Amino acid sequence: MKRLKDIRFKNLRNIARWLYSITYGQRWRIAVSCLTGAFEVACSLGFVWASKQVIDIATGAVAGNIWVAASITIIILLGQLSFAALDMWLSGCMPVDVGNRLRSRLFNHLLRSRWKELERYHTGDVLNRVNRDVDEVVRLLTATIPDLFVTVIQFLASFAYLCKLDASLAWLLILIIPVFLLISKLYVRRMREYNRNIRVSDSKIQSVMQESIQHHVIVKTMERTRNRLAVLGELQGGLRKQVQGRTRLSLFSRMMMSVGFNSGYLLVFLWGAMRLSRGDISFGTMTAFLQLVGRVQRPAFDLTSFLPSFITAYTAAERLMELESLSTEDDDNSIFIEEVTGLSFRNVSFAYVENGESVFNHWNAEFRAGTSTAVLGETGAGKTTLIRLILALVSPTEGTIVLTGPQGDVEVSPGTRPNFVYVPQGNTLFSGTIRDNLLMGNPDATDREIEDALRMAVADFVLELPDGINTVLTEQGGGVSEGQAQRIAIARALLRKGNILLFDEATSALDRETERRLIYNLKTCCQGKTVIFITHHAALAEECDEVLSL
């Protein structure tokens, strides 16, 4: 039991440190928000005092100028409204800034994380965490924590003021608060479990919807629309039950606390009425009692209502920290080799799962500098894995992969990627203009270089479009055919400076004549470079200097 508590405390401490780290640059705003709320509390209690004075002067309980007292009341009220407006302004700006910074930080980490580790997560789950979980954490930092600070200040200050007016009443009122704490203790663990399960269900729902929309053509042509809706409905039904369970738990807790809150109000009302009937207090003091009871018990009520927010944010923080725990690639030390470079596999073994079936087992191969090689093989033979090894997306379990040349051997790593020009299979274009897609290959490319690359890739059809390279593509290159998208992707790759070109089924969507023209152009523009084709096409293999079968 002690060990379990130590683990929980350590985890809570780690989350607290992580939360502190993501507030960098915004801590002063959070502090100002807390101070603004504290001043608002001061004005609120000042209003209680001033209104008491107005009533006591009006009833003759105390001597004084009612106009002066009324003026003070108005000034305090205006101050309270001003601080409330400032707090509203800060509350509107802070979430955007903190959220943007946290999402940028996560996005940067995800882009730099190792491919094999990130691949374990569904993209829908990752996006759900980056969006909804970030929102929960931001709400905690920019709203819940400042509100908690202000609530505690309001409770202590109101209790002190009530003690000054009637200490016995204040302590009677305070005895009800342990009821709130007891109820909170009972339902924290179950609430945390509900929130964790709800977050998982949200991720599954988003994953199903994303995949179904992304592959809507397959869904339509395979007549699986009803099936996908049924899957979604089943997941939503499970989510509904989880939310209902959480709501029942919260409802019971809130009802019990409301009973305590109303009991306290009734206690103060009857206490004040009896003392007023005996002439022990004035009407002004009676009104102060009634105003202060809410200012003492409301914070106690709010303190317990903060618990669901903390639990939800705790769960969200754990899920985000899990993403940030993914190890990242060391790609800061880029190595670009100017000379023509070859590639050598030396006694390489690799398996995706430890102690699992090996894709490569003590495999040796040589891709000589300045030659073209066609890599052939059946589906599942390891062609895609070969590309991943070359690009250091995965690492060999044994052996080494090195770049060879006059500069000596350089082991392949994330830092050697500048030497590769990679054209993956399928449609890999981004939404945006064709120019934007091409500039991903070389951000400094001129229009002349872009046009030359398009012609070399047999993608000069782009130049004949009404908007040319400024033609806007939708998601996944929508607006052009698959074959046209492949040629634009090849043009994008040709703009990149690198001496080893990797084509992974890059001509699979091209007709024979277009493929022939493309291969001719590539042999012309890539003379002296090392070119590797992953292909099923025997005709393409015939055009290469060497053929390697897996």
Protein backbone atom coordinates (compact mmCIF):
# COMPACT_ATOMS: atom_id res chain seq x y z
CA MET A 1 0.00 0.00 0.00
CA LYS A 2 2.82 2.39 0.93
CA ARG A 3 4.61 1.60 -2.33
CA LEU A 4 1.41 2.33 -4.29
CA LYS A 5 1.02 5.68 -2.53
CA ASP A 6 4.68 6.53 -3.26
CA ILE A 7 4.14 5.77 -6.95
CA ARG A 8 1.01 7.94 -7.05
CA PHE A 9 2.78 10.81 -5.28
CA LYS A 10 5.73 10.56 -7.64
CA ASN A 11 3.39 10.56 -10.63
CA LEU A 12 1.51 13.57 -9.25
CA ARG A 13 4.80 15.37 -8.69
CA ASN A 14 5.91 14.63 -12.27
CA ILE A 15 2.61 15.95 -13.62
CA ALA A 16 2.98 19.11 -11.51
CA ARG A 17 6.47 19.68 -12.93
CA TRP A 18 5.22 19.10 -16.46
CA LEU A 19 2.33 21.52 -15.96
CA TYR A 20 4.74 24.13 -14.62
CA SER A 21 7.01 23.71 -17.65
CA ILE A 22 4.25 24.36 -20.17
CA THR A 23 3.27 27.67 -18.54
CA TYR A 24 6.60 29.25 -19.53
CA GLY A 25 5.98 32.76 -20.84
CA GLN A 26 2.45 32.86 -19.42
CA ARG A 27 3.10 32.59 -15.69
CA TRP A 28 2.92 36.34 -15.18
CA ARG A 29 -0.53 36.40 -16.80
CA ILE A 30 -1.73 33.57 -14.58
CA ALA A 31 -0.36 35.47 -11.56
CA VAL A 32 -2.09 38.69 -12.68
CA SER A 33 -5.33 36.73 -13.13
CA CYS A 34 -5.03 35.42 -9.56
CA LEU A 35 -4.31 38.91 -8.19
CA THR A 36 -7.19 40.40 -10.18
CA GLY A 37 -9.51 37.81 -8.67
CA ALA A 38 -8.17 38.61 -5.19
CA PHE A 39 -8.89 42.33 -5.69
CA GLU A 40 -12.35 41.38 -6.93
CA VAL A 41 -12.89 39.46 -3.67
CA ALA A 42 -11.72 42.50 -1.69
CA CYS A 43 -14.23 44.68 -3.53
CA SER A 44 -16.94 42.09 -2.92
CA LEU A 45 -16.35 42.13 0.84
CA GLY A 46 -16.03 45.89 0.72
CA PHE A 47 -19.47 45.99 -0.86
CA VAL A 48 -20.85 43.88 2.03
CA TRP A 49 -19.37 46.32 4.54
CA ALA A 50 -20.54 49.41 2.61
CA SER A 51 -24.10 48.12 2.12
CA LYS A 52 -24.23 47.28 5.85
CA GLN A 53 -23.23 50.86 6.61
CA VAL A 54 -25.91 52.27 4.28
CA ILE A 55 -28.65 50.18 5.94
CA ASP A 56 -27.46 50.94 9.48
CA ILE A 57 -27.32 54.68 8.74
CA ALA A 58 -30.75 54.55 7.10
CA THR A 59 -32.29 52.75 10.11
CA GLY A 60 -30.51 54.95 12.62
CA ALA A 61 -28.44 52.12 14.10
CA VAL A 62 -25.29 54.17 13.53
CA ALA A 63 -24.62 57.81 12.83
CA GLY A 64 -23.28 58.96 9.48
CA ASN A 65 -23.94 60.55 6.10
CA ILE A 66 -25.97 58.20 3.94
CA TRP A 67 -24.82 59.92 0.71
CA VAL A 68 -21.17 59.38 1.57
CA ALA A 69 -21.86 55.72 2.40
CA ALA A 70 -23.86 55.31 -0.83
CA SER A 71 -21.03 56.92 -2.85
CA ILE A 72 -18.48 54.56 -1.31
CA THR A 73 -20.76 51.63 -2.16
CA ILE A 74 -21.00 52.76 -5.80
CA ILE A 75 -17.22 53.26 -6.08
CA ILE A 76 -16.56 49.79 -4.67
CA LEU A 77 -19.12 48.29 -7.06
CA LEU A 78 -17.46 50.04 -10.05
CA GLY A 79 -14.08 48.72 -8.88
CA GLN A 80 -15.48 45.22 -8.68
CA LEU A 81 -16.86 45.51 -12.23
CA SER A 82 -13.50 46.83 -13.50
CA PHE A 83 -11.55 43.94 -12.00
CA ALA A 84 -14.14 41.51 -13.38
CA ALA A 85 -13.68 43.00 -16.87
CA LEU A 86 -9.87 42.69 -16.62
CA ASP A 87 -10.21 39.11 -15.44
CA MET A 88 -12.52 38.36 -18.37
CA TRP A 89 -9.94 39.81 -20.80
CA LEU A 90 -7.14 37.69 -19.34
CA SER A 91 -9.37 34.61 -19.32
CA GLY A 92 -10.04 35.13 -23.02
CA CYS A 93 -6.41 35.61 -24.11
CA MET A 94 -4.52 33.15 -21.92
CA PRO A 95 -6.12 29.89 -23.16
CA VAL A 96 -5.21 30.70 -26.77
CA ASP A 97 -1.57 31.47 -25.98
CA VAL A 98 -1.04 28.53 -23.62
CA GLY A 99 -2.91 26.17 -25.97
CA ASN A 100 -0.92 27.28 -29.02
CA ARG A 101 2.37 26.83 -27.20
CA LEU A 102 1.47 23.39 -25.86
CA ARG A 103 0.18 22.16 -29.24
CA SER A 104 3.32 23.47 -30.98
CA ARG A 105 5.47 21.71 -28.40
CA LEU A 106 3.59 18.42 -28.85
CA PHE A 107 3.55 18.75 -32.64
CA ASN A 108 7.31 19.35 -32.67
CA HIS A 109 7.88 16.32 -30.44
CA LEU A 110 5.62 14.07 -32.53
CA LEU A 111 7.35 15.08 -35.78
CA ARG A 112 10.73 14.29 -34.22
CA SER A 113 9.67 11.07 -32.50
CA ARG A 114 10.87 7.70 -33.73
CA TRP A 115 8.65 6.26 -36.45
CA LYS A 116 8.36 2.82 -34.85
CA GLU A 117 7.15 4.22 -31.51
CA LEU A 118 4.67 6.70 -32.98
CA GLU A 119 3.29 4.00 -35.26
CA ARG A 120 1.79 2.27 -32.18
CA TYR A 121 -0.78 5.05 -31.87
CA HIS A 122 -3.74 5.56 -34.16
CA THR A 123 -3.68 9.02 -35.77
CA GLY A 124 -7.24 9.61 -34.54
CA ASP A 125 -6.11 8.92 -30.97
CA VAL A 126 -3.11 11.25 -31.35
CA LEU A 127 -5.27 14.06 -32.74
CA ASN A 128 -7.82 13.55 -29.97
CA ARG A 129 -5.06 13.99 -27.40
CA VAL A 130 -3.56 17.02 -29.13
CA ASN A 131 -6.97 18.69 -29.34
CA ARG A 132 -9.28 17.65 -26.49
CA ASP A 133 -6.69 16.69 -23.88
CA VAL A 134 -4.79 19.92 -24.51
CA ASP A 135 -8.04 21.84 -24.01
CA GLU A 136 -8.53 20.15 -20.62
CA VAL A 137 -4.98 20.95 -19.48
CA VAL A 138 -5.24 24.55 -20.70
CA ARG A 139 -8.54 24.95 -18.87
CA LEU A 140 -6.87 23.74 -15.68
CA LEU A 141 -3.96 26.19 -15.97
CA THR A 142 -5.81 29.27 -17.15
CA ALA A 143 -9.17 28.89 -15.41
CA THR A 144 -9.33 26.23 -12.70
CA ILE A 145 -6.11 27.11 -10.85
CA PRO A 146 -6.76 30.90 -10.80
CA ASP A 147 -10.36 30.21 -9.78
CA LEU A 148 -9.16 27.89 -7.02
CA PHE A 149 -6.78 30.57 -5.71
CA VAL A 150 -9.54 33.18 -5.71
CA THR A 151 -11.97 30.75 -4.09
CA VAL A 152 -9.58 30.03 -1.21
CA ILE A 153 -8.94 33.78 -0.74
CA GLN A 154 -12.69 34.44 -0.73
CA PHE A 155 -13.31 31.67 1.79
CA LEU A 156 -10.61 32.84 4.22
CA ALA A 157 -11.44 36.54 3.94
CA SER A 158 -15.20 35.98 4.25
CA PHE A 159 -14.72 33.65 7.21
CA ALA A 160 -12.49 36.22 8.93
CA TYR A 161 -15.09 38.97 8.36
CA LEU A 162 -17.90 36.74 9.64
CA CYS A 163 -15.80 35.89 12.73
CA LYS A 164 -15.46 39.59 13.38
CA LEU A 165 -19.24 40.00 13.25
CA ASP A 166 -20.14 36.78 15.11
CA ALA A 167 -17.46 34.15 15.85
CA SER A 168 -19.93 31.55 17.13
CA LEU A 169 -21.96 31.68 13.92
CA ALA A 170 -18.81 31.46 11.80
CA TRP A 171 -17.60 28.30 13.55
CA LEU A 172 -21.06 26.69 13.43
CA LEU A 173 -21.11 27.34 9.70
CA ILE A 174 -17.64 25.91 9.23
CA LEU A 175 -18.61 22.59 10.85
CA ILE A 176 -20.66 21.70 7.76
CA ILE A 177 -17.59 21.82 5.47
CA PRO A 178 -16.12 18.39 6.50
CA VAL A 179 -19.23 16.83 4.94
CA PHE A 180 -18.09 18.22 1.58
CA LEU A 181 -14.57 16.87 2.02
CA LEU A 182 -15.81 13.40 3.00
CA ILE A 183 -18.04 13.14 -0.05
CA SER A 184 -15.18 14.32 -2.29
CA LYS A 185 -12.83 11.67 -0.91
CA LEU A 186 -15.36 8.94 -1.63
CA TYR A 187 -15.86 9.71 -5.29
CA VAL A 188 -12.44 10.93 -6.51
CA ARG A 189 -11.15 7.48 -7.46
CA ARG A 190 -14.28 6.47 -9.37
CA MET A 191 -14.44 9.84 -11.11
CA ARG A 192 -10.82 9.45 -12.30
CA GLU A 193 -11.62 6.00 -13.71
CA TYR A 194 -14.70 7.33 -15.51
CA ASN A 195 -12.71 10.18 -17.05
CA ARG A 196 -9.94 7.88 -18.25
CA ASN A 197 -12.44 5.53 -19.92
CA ILE A 198 -14.32 8.45 -21.50
CA ARG A 199 -11.07 9.81 -22.98
CA VAL A 200 -10.30 6.38 -24.49
CA SER A 201 -13.82 6.14 -25.95
CA ASP A 202 -13.48 9.63 -27.44
CA SER A 203 -10.26 8.58 -29.15
CA LYS A 204 -11.85 5.43 -30.59
CA ILE A 205 -14.82 7.39 -31.93
CA GLN A 206 -12.57 9.95 -33.59
CA SER A 207 -10.43 7.17 -35.09
CA VAL A 208 -13.47 5.45 -36.64
CA MET A 209 -14.83 8.70 -38.06
CA GLN A 210 -11.45 9.79 -39.41
CA GLU A 211 -10.75 6.47 -41.13
CA SER A 212 -14.26 6.25 -42.58
CA ILE A 213 -14.07 9.75 -44.05
CA GLN A 214 -10.49 9.24 -45.24
CA HIS A 215 -11.48 6.00 -47.02
CA HIS A 216 -15.02 7.03 -47.94
CA VAL A 217 -14.63 5.69 -51.50
CA ILE A 218 -13.87 2.20 -50.15
CA VAL A 219 -16.78 2.47 -47.71
CA LYS A 220 -19.14 3.37 -50.56
CA THR A 221 -17.92 0.84 -53.11
CA MET A 222 -17.80 -1.99 -50.57
CA GLU A 223 -21.29 -0.99 -49.37
CA ARG A 224 -20.11 -0.71 -45.77
CA THR A 225 -21.85 2.55 -44.88
CA ARG A 226 -24.32 0.85 -42.53
CA ASN A 227 -21.54 -1.20 -40.99
CA ARG A 228 -19.42 1.88 -40.23
CA LEU A 229 -22.46 3.64 -38.78
CA ALA A 230 -23.16 0.57 -36.63
CA VAL A 231 -19.58 0.55 -35.34
CA LEU A 232 -19.84 4.26 -34.57
CA GLY A 233 -23.21 3.75 -32.87
CA GLU A 234 -21.84 0.97 -30.68
CA LEU A 235 -18.90 3.13 -29.57
CA GLN A 236 -21.18 6.10 -28.95
CA GLY A 237 -23.48 3.86 -26.90
CA GLY A 238 -20.55 2.84 -24.72
CA LEU A 239 -19.53 6.48 -24.34
CA ARG A 240 -23.09 7.42 -23.38
CA LYS A 241 -23.13 4.81 -20.59
CA GLN A 242 -19.79 6.06 -19.28
CA VAL A 243 -20.97 9.67 -19.29
CA GLN A 244 -24.21 8.66 -17.58
CA GLY A 245 -22.23 6.89 -14.86
CA ARG A 246 -20.03 9.94 -14.34
CA THR A 247 -23.08 12.22 -14.32
CA ARG A 248 -24.85 10.08 -11.70
CA LEU A 249 -21.77 10.22 -9.51
CA SER A 250 -21.46 13.99 -9.89
CA LEU A 251 -25.19 14.51 -9.39
CA PHE A 252 -25.24 12.58 -6.12
CA SER A 253 -22.20 14.48 -4.87
CA ARG A 254 -23.65 17.86 -5.84
CA MET A 255 -27.04 17.08 -4.29
CA MET A 256 -25.43 16.12 -0.99
CA MET A 257 -23.36 19.29 -1.02
CA SER A 258 -26.40 21.38 -1.90
CA VAL A 259 -28.18 19.97 1.15
CA GLY A 260 -25.26 21.08 3.28
CA PHE A 261 -25.16 24.48 1.60
CA ASN A 262 -28.87 25.16 2.09
CA SER A 263 -28.68 23.91 5.67
CA GLY A 264 -25.97 26.46 6.34
CA TYR A 265 -28.01 29.26 4.80
CA LEU A 266 -31.05 28.28 6.90
CA LEU A 267 -28.87 28.16 10.02
CA VAL A 268 -27.57 31.69 9.42
CA PHE A 269 -31.04 33.02 8.60
CA LEU A 270 -32.60 31.62 11.80
CA TRP A 271 -29.60 32.60 13.92
CA GLY A 272 -29.71 36.15 12.58
CA ALA A 273 -33.49 36.39 12.98
CA MET A 274 -33.30 35.35 16.65
CA ARG A 275 -30.50 37.79 17.43
CA LEU A 276 -32.32 40.53 15.55
CA SER A 277 -35.50 39.87 17.56
CA ARG A 278 -33.51 40.27 20.78
CA GLY A 279 -31.94 43.47 19.54
CA ASP A 280 -28.42 42.01 19.59
CA ILE A 281 -27.73 42.98 15.97
CA SER A 282 -28.87 45.61 13.49
CA PHE A 283 -30.64 45.15 10.15
CA GLY A 284 -27.35 45.97 8.45
CA THR A 285 -25.58 43.17 10.32
CA MET A 286 -28.43 40.80 9.40
CA THR A 287 -27.97 41.61 5.69
CA ALA A 288 -24.22 41.17 6.11
CA PHE A 289 -24.83 37.71 7.62
CA LEU A 290 -26.99 36.69 4.66
CA GLN A 291 -24.42 37.95 2.15
CA LEU A 292 -21.48 36.37 3.94
CA VAL A 293 -23.05 32.93 4.28
CA GLY A 294 -22.83 32.55 0.52
CA ARG A 295 -19.30 33.93 0.47
CA VAL A 296 -18.19 31.36 3.05
CA GLN A 297 -20.10 28.29 1.91
CA ARG A 298 -19.98 28.94 -1.82
CA PRO A 299 -16.17 28.64 -1.90
CA ALA A 300 -16.42 25.39 0.09
CA PHE A 301 -18.98 24.13 -2.43
CA ASP A 302 -16.77 25.30 -5.32
CA LEU A 303 -13.69 23.62 -3.86
CA THR A 304 -15.36 20.24 -4.23
CA SER A 305 -16.72 21.13 -7.68
CA PHE A 306 -13.12 21.76 -8.79
CA LEU A 307 -12.34 18.09 -8.23
CA PRO A 308 -13.85 16.83 -11.51
CA SER A 309 -11.83 19.46 -13.39
CA PHE A 310 -8.63 18.39 -11.64
CA ILE A 311 -9.35 14.72 -12.26
CA THR A 312 -10.13 15.31 -15.94
CA ALA A 313 -7.00 17.43 -16.37
CA TYR A 314 -4.93 14.84 -14.47
CA THR A 315 -6.04 12.15 -16.93
CA ALA A 316 -5.43 14.45 -19.91
CA ALA A 317 -1.95 15.37 -18.64
CA GLU A 318 -1.06 11.68 -18.26
CA ARG A 319 -2.10 11.03 -21.88
CA LEU A 320 -0.13 14.01 -23.18
CA MET A 321 2.94 13.10 -21.12
CA GLU A 322 2.70 9.63 -22.63
CA LEU A 323 3.11 11.19 -26.08
CA GLU A 324 6.02 13.30 -24.88
CA SER A 325 7.67 10.17 -23.46
CA LEU A 326 8.19 8.88 -27.01
CA SER A 327 11.90 8.90 -27.74
CA THR A 328 13.01 11.34 -30.42
CA GLU A 329 15.52 11.11 -33.22
CA ASP A 330 18.85 12.87 -33.01
CA ASP A 331 18.64 14.73 -36.32
CA ASP A 332 20.36 17.95 -35.25
CA ASN A 333 23.76 16.90 -36.62
CA SER A 334 23.00 16.66 -40.33
CA ILE A 335 25.64 15.12 -42.56
CA PHE A 336 25.50 16.07 -46.25
CA ILE A 337 28.03 14.46 -48.58
CA GLU A 338 28.79 16.38 -51.77
CA GLU A 339 30.45 13.46 -53.59
CA VAL A 340 28.63 10.64 -55.34
CA THR A 341 27.73 8.12 -52.67
CA GLY A 342 27.03 4.41 -52.60
CA LEU A 343 25.19 2.32 -50.01
CA SER A 344 26.32 -0.86 -48.29
CA PHE A 345 24.37 -3.35 -46.14
CA ARG A 346 26.77 -5.37 -44.00
CA ASN A 347 25.50 -8.44 -42.18
CA VAL A 348 22.18 -6.69 -41.45
CA SER A 349 19.44 -8.39 -39.44
CA PHE A 350 16.10 -6.82 -38.57
CA ALA A 351 12.78 -7.80 -36.99
CA TYR A 352 9.90 -5.49 -36.08
CA VAL A 353 9.22 -7.41 -32.87
CA GLU A 354 11.92 -8.53 -30.47
CA ASN A 355 12.45 -12.29 -30.86
CA GLY A 356 9.97 -12.16 -33.74
CA GLU A 357 10.36 -13.30 -37.34
CA SER A 358 13.30 -11.61 -39.07
CA VAL A 359 12.66 -9.60 -42.21
CA PHE A 360 16.41 -9.59 -42.92
CA ASN A 361 18.82 -12.14 -41.49
CA HIS A 362 22.56 -11.43 -41.83
CA TRP A 363 21.83 -9.78 -45.16
CA ASN A 364 24.51 -8.18 -47.33
CA ALA A 365 24.03 -5.94 -50.35
CA GLU A 366 25.95 -3.27 -52.23
CA PHE A 367 24.45 -0.34 -54.13
CA ARG A 368 27.41 1.03 -56.04
CA ALA A 369 27.84 4.78 -56.33
CA GLY A 370 26.51 6.24 -59.57
CA THR A 371 24.50 3.15 -60.60
CA SER A 372 20.79 2.40 -60.83
CA THR A 373 19.40 -0.69 -59.11
CA ALA A 374 15.95 -2.27 -59.34
CA VAL A 375 14.86 -4.10 -56.18
CA LEU A 376 12.32 -6.82 -56.95
CA GLY A 377 10.46 -9.12 -54.63
CA GLU A 378 7.13 -10.59 -53.68
CA THR A 379 4.75 -8.78 -51.36
CA GLY A 380 6.06 -9.09 -47.81
CA ALA A 381 9.61 -9.81 -48.93
CA GLY A 382 10.90 -6.67 -47.19
CA LYS A 383 11.02 -4.00 -49.90
CA THR A 384 9.30 -1.32 -47.78
CA THR A 385 11.39 -2.34 -44.76
CA LEU A 386 14.50 -1.85 -46.89
CA ILE A 387 13.49 1.78 -47.50
CA ARG A 388 12.82 2.31 -43.79
CA LEU A 389 16.25 0.96 -42.92
CA ILE A 390 17.96 3.17 -45.49
CA LEU A 391 16.16 6.27 -44.18
CA ALA A 392 16.90 5.28 -40.55
CA LEU A 393 13.21 5.14 -39.67
CA VAL A 394 14.09 1.83 -38.05
CA SER A 395 17.48 0.51 -36.97
CA PRO A 396 19.06 -2.90 -37.64
CA THR A 397 19.10 -5.33 -34.74
CA GLU A 398 22.48 -6.50 -36.03
CA GLY A 399 24.95 -5.25 -38.61
CA THR A 400 25.43 -1.82 -40.13
CA ILE A 401 24.25 0.23 -43.10
CA VAL A 402 26.80 2.73 -44.37
CA LEU A 403 27.17 5.38 -47.03
CA THR A 404 30.30 4.64 -49.05
CA GLY A 405 32.45 6.97 -51.10
CA PRO A 406 35.67 8.97 -51.24
CA GLN A 407 34.83 10.51 -47.87
CA GLY A 408 34.97 7.10 -46.22
CA ASP A 409 32.16 5.11 -44.61
CA VAL A 410 29.38 7.00 -42.82
CA GLU A 411 26.82 4.97 -40.86
CA VAL A 412 23.21 5.67 -41.79
CA SER A 413 21.32 7.69 -39.17
CA PRO A 414 18.59 10.36 -39.05
CA GLY A 415 21.38 12.86 -39.66
CA THR A 416 22.24 11.33 -43.07
CA ARG A 417 18.76 11.89 -44.55
CA PRO A 418 19.86 15.06 -46.44
CA ASN A 419 21.70 12.68 -48.80
CA PHE A 420 18.49 10.92 -49.87
CA VAL A 421 15.74 11.87 -52.28
CA TYR A 422 12.68 9.78 -51.46
CA VAL A 423 9.51 9.26 -53.50
CA PRO A 424 7.05 7.06 -51.55
CA GLN A 425 4.32 5.01 -53.14
CA GLY A 426 0.78 6.35 -53.39
CA ASN A 427 -0.53 9.88 -53.17
CA THR A 428 1.61 11.89 -50.76
CA LEU A 429 0.62 15.43 -51.68
CA PHE A 430 -0.54 17.96 -49.09
CA SER A 431 -3.51 20.29 -49.31
CA GLY A 432 -2.44 23.68 -50.65
CA THR A 433 -1.03 24.87 -53.95
CA ILE A 434 1.15 22.73 -56.21
CA ARG A 435 3.90 25.31 -55.63
CA ASP A 436 3.67 24.72 -51.86
CA ASN A 437 4.05 20.98 -52.42
CA LEU A 438 7.03 21.40 -54.71
CA LEU A 439 8.80 23.81 -52.37
CA MET A 440 8.81 21.08 -49.71
CA GLY A 441 11.59 19.53 -51.79
CA ASN A 442 13.58 22.77 -51.82
CA PRO A 443 12.16 25.92 -50.17
CA ASP A 444 14.66 28.06 -52.14
CA ALA A 445 13.80 26.69 -55.59
CA THR A 446 13.18 29.29 -58.30
CA ASP A 447 10.27 29.17 -60.75
CA ARG A 448 12.72 28.07 -63.45
CA GLU A 449 13.95 25.17 -61.33
CA ILE A 450 10.36 24.21 -60.53
CA GLU A 451 9.42 24.17 -64.22
CA ASP A 452 12.51 22.09 -65.11
CA ALA A 453 11.66 19.56 -62.37
CA LEU A 454 8.06 19.30 -63.63
CA ARG A 455 9.27 18.62 -67.17
CA MET A 456 11.76 16.00 -65.99
CA ALA A 457 8.97 14.28 -64.03
CA VAL A 458 6.68 14.37 -67.09
CA ALA A 459 4.43 16.62 -65.02
CA ASP A 460 4.50 19.59 -67.39
CA PHE A 461 0.69 19.32 -67.57
CA VAL A 462 0.79 21.51 -64.45
CA LEU A 463 2.10 24.42 -66.53
CA GLU A 464 -0.98 24.16 -68.76
CA LEU A 465 -3.47 24.43 -65.89
CA PRO A 466 -5.33 27.78 -65.63
CA ASP A 467 -3.50 28.65 -62.39
CA GLY A 468 -0.34 26.72 -63.20
CA ILE A 469 1.77 25.88 -60.16
CA ASN A 470 -0.58 28.02 -58.08
CA THR A 471 -3.41 25.52 -58.61
CA VAL A 472 -4.93 24.62 -55.24
CA LEU A 473 -5.13 20.95 -54.27
CA THR A 474 -7.47 19.60 -51.61
CA GLU A 475 -6.68 16.90 -49.04
CA GLN A 476 -4.43 14.08 -50.33
CA GLY A 477 -3.87 15.86 -53.62
CA GLY A 478 -7.52 16.13 -54.56
CA GLY A 479 -7.86 17.90 -57.91
CA VAL A 480 -5.44 15.73 -59.90
CA SER A 481 -5.43 12.04 -60.82
CA GLU A 482 -3.31 9.51 -58.95
CA GLY A 483 -0.85 9.29 -61.82
CA GLN A 484 -0.56 13.08 -61.99
CA ALA A 485 -0.08 13.20 -58.21
CA GLN A 486 2.76 10.68 -58.49
CA ARG A 487 4.53 12.79 -61.11
CA ILE A 488 4.17 15.95 -59.01
CA ALA A 489 5.67 14.01 -56.09
CA ILE A 490 8.59 12.96 -58.29
CA ALA A 491 9.12 16.59 -59.36
CA ARG A 492 9.12 17.57 -55.69
CA ALA A 493 11.82 14.97 -55.01
CA LEU A 494 13.97 16.09 -57.94
CA LEU A 495 14.17 19.58 -56.44
CA ARG A 496 15.82 18.11 -53.35
CA LYS A 497 19.60 18.05 -53.19
CA GLY A 498 20.73 14.49 -52.56
CA ASN A 499 22.91 11.94 -54.31
CA ILE A 500 20.86 8.81 -53.57
CA LEU A 501 17.36 8.61 -55.06
CA LEU A 502 14.82 6.16 -53.63
CA PHE A 503 11.70 5.41 -55.67
CA ASP A 504 9.18 3.18 -53.86
CA GLU A 505 6.72 1.98 -56.52
CA ALA A 506 6.81 5.58 -57.75
CA THR A 507 5.57 4.65 -61.24
CA SER A 508 2.81 2.23 -60.22
CA ALA A 509 0.00 4.57 -61.37
CA LEU A 510 1.63 5.50 -64.70
CA ASP A 511 0.84 4.03 -68.10
CA ARG A 512 3.66 2.30 -70.01
CA GLU A 513 4.43 5.24 -72.32
CA THR A 514 4.52 7.81 -69.51
CA GLU A 515 6.69 5.46 -67.44
CA ARG A 516 9.10 5.04 -70.36
CA ARG A 517 9.43 8.80 -70.83
CA LEU A 518 9.93 9.30 -67.10
CA ILE A 519 12.67 6.66 -66.87
CA TYR A 520 14.46 8.22 -69.85
CA ASN A 521 14.34 11.66 -68.21
CA LEU A 522 15.54 10.27 -64.88
CA LYS A 523 18.50 8.53 -66.49
CA THR A 524 19.39 11.84 -68.13
CA CYS A 525 19.05 14.15 -65.11
CA CYS A 526 20.33 11.68 -62.54
CA GLN A 527 23.54 10.65 -64.27
CA GLY A 528 26.26 10.09 -61.72
CA LYS A 529 23.77 9.63 -58.89
CA THR A 530 22.83 6.42 -57.09
CA VAL A 531 19.25 5.44 -57.92
CA ILE A 532 17.26 2.66 -56.24
CA PHE A 533 13.88 1.58 -57.64
CA ILE A 534 11.54 -0.55 -55.53
CA THR A 535 9.30 -2.03 -58.21
CA HIS A 536 7.24 -4.91 -59.52
CA HIS A 537 7.70 -3.85 -63.14
CA ALA A 538 10.11 -6.06 -65.07
CA ALA A 539 10.28 -3.42 -67.83
CA LEU A 540 11.65 -0.88 -65.35
CA ALA A 541 14.19 -3.40 -64.07
CA GLU A 542 15.52 -3.84 -67.62
CA GLU A 543 16.41 -0.14 -67.72
CA CYS A 544 18.57 -0.39 -64.56
CA ASP A 545 22.26 -1.22 -64.29
CA GLU A 546 21.66 -3.88 -61.64
CA VAL A 547 18.77 -5.97 -60.34
CA LEU A 548 18.46 -7.15 -56.74
CA SER A 549 15.86 -9.76 -55.80
CA LEU A 550 14.64 -10.12 -52.22
